[in-house]
Protein backbone atom coordinates (compact mmCIF):
# COMPACT_ATOMS: atom_id res chain seq x y z
CA UNK A 1 -19.25 -6.94 -3.21
CA UNK A 2 -15.76 -6.08 -4.36
CA UNK A 3 -14.28 -2.70 -3.25
CA UNK A 4 -11.99 -0.90 -5.68
CA UNK A 5 -10.20 2.35 -4.92
CA UNK A 6 -9.40 4.63 -7.91
CA UNK A 7 -6.57 6.98 -6.99
CA UNK A 8 -7.23 10.10 -9.08
CA UNK A 9 -6.85 13.87 -9.22
CA UNK A 10 -8.61 16.78 -10.78
CA UNK A 11 -7.94 17.41 -14.50
CA UNK A 12 -6.46 13.92 -15.10
CA UNK A 13 -7.82 12.69 -18.44
CA UNK A 14 -6.26 9.31 -17.95
CA UNK A 15 -8.14 9.03 -14.65
CA UNK A 16 -11.37 9.64 -16.48
CA UNK A 17 -10.51 6.87 -18.85
CA UNK A 18 -9.75 4.53 -15.95
CA UNK A 19 -13.10 5.43 -14.37
CA UNK A 20 -14.88 4.59 -17.59
CA UNK A 21 -13.18 1.15 -17.61
CA UNK A 22 -14.21 0.58 -14.05
CA UNK A 23 -17.84 1.49 -14.79
CA UNK A 24 -17.76 -1.02 -17.68
CA UNK A 25 -16.53 -3.72 -15.26
CA UNK A 26 -19.30 -2.74 -12.80
CA UNK A 27 -21.83 -3.80 -15.41
CA UNK A 28 -20.57 -7.34 -15.10
CA UNK A 29 -19.54 -7.49 -11.45
CA UNK A 30 -20.81 -6.22 -8.06
CA UNK A 31 -18.28 -3.43 -7.51
CA UNK A 32 -18.03 -0.52 -5.13
CA UNK A 33 -15.78 2.11 -6.74
CA UNK A 34 -14.24 4.72 -4.34
CA UNK A 35 -12.66 7.57 -6.17
CA UNK A 36 -9.89 9.00 -3.90
CA UNK A 37 -8.44 12.49 -4.62
CA UNK A 38 -4.72 12.26 -4.01
CA UNK A 39 -4.21 16.04 -4.10
CA UNK A 40 -5.66 16.33 -0.65
CA UNK A 41 -3.06 14.08 1.04
CA UNK A 42 0.67 14.55 0.86
CA UNK A 43 1.34 10.94 1.45
CA UNK A 44 -0.85 9.91 -1.51
CA UNK A 45 0.81 12.50 -3.70
CA UNK A 46 4.20 11.10 -2.86
CA UNK A 47 3.02 7.55 -3.46
CA UNK A 48 0.83 7.97 -6.59
CA UNK A 49 1.59 11.45 -7.97
CA UNK A 50 3.54 10.22 -11.05
CA UNK A 51 1.64 6.90 -11.58
CA UNK A 52 -2.07 7.83 -11.44
CA UNK A 53 -4.45 6.55 -12.29
CA UNK A 54 -3.96 3.60 -10.03
CA UNK A 55 -6.65 1.17 -8.98
CA UNK A 56 -6.46 -0.88 -5.75
CA UNK A 57 -8.39 -4.02 -5.05
CA UNK A 58 -9.67 -5.54 -1.82
CA UNK A 59 -6.67 -7.90 -1.64
CA UNK A 60 -4.20 -5.03 -1.82
CA UNK A 61 -3.08 -5.67 -5.37
CA UNK A 62 -2.85 -2.63 -7.65
CA UNK A 63 -2.91 -1.78 -11.35
CA UNK A 64 -1.00 1.23 -12.57
CA UNK A 65 -1.83 2.94 -15.83
CA UNK A 66 -1.86 1.78 -18.59
CA UNK A 67 -4.39 -0.99 -18.08
CA UNK A 68 -7.33 -2.35 -20.02
CA UNK A 69 -10.70 -3.76 -19.08
CA UNK A 70 -9.35 -7.29 -19.37
CA UNK A 71 -6.65 -6.44 -16.77
CA UNK A 72 -9.32 -5.21 -14.37
CA UNK A 73 -11.39 -8.33 -14.86
CA UNK A 74 -8.34 -10.59 -14.38
CA UNK A 75 -7.76 -9.00 -11.02
CA UNK A 76 -11.42 -9.33 -10.04
CA UNK A 77 -11.39 -13.03 -10.87
């Protein structure tokens, strides 16, 4: 199973779009998606506050918005 972290925050419509793409990818691959609220952590706000949504893969690679389903699948493969 592949673990993916989605860095997100409340009221972020782009984050909702990113989550929808991850759910599409989950239909094809065995994924665990962990939504992480950055607003609860000053370090995460400093790191991702202007770039969310960001997804991070098991191997440490990240995709910053904008990305498409094909970009996610390329990282999974």
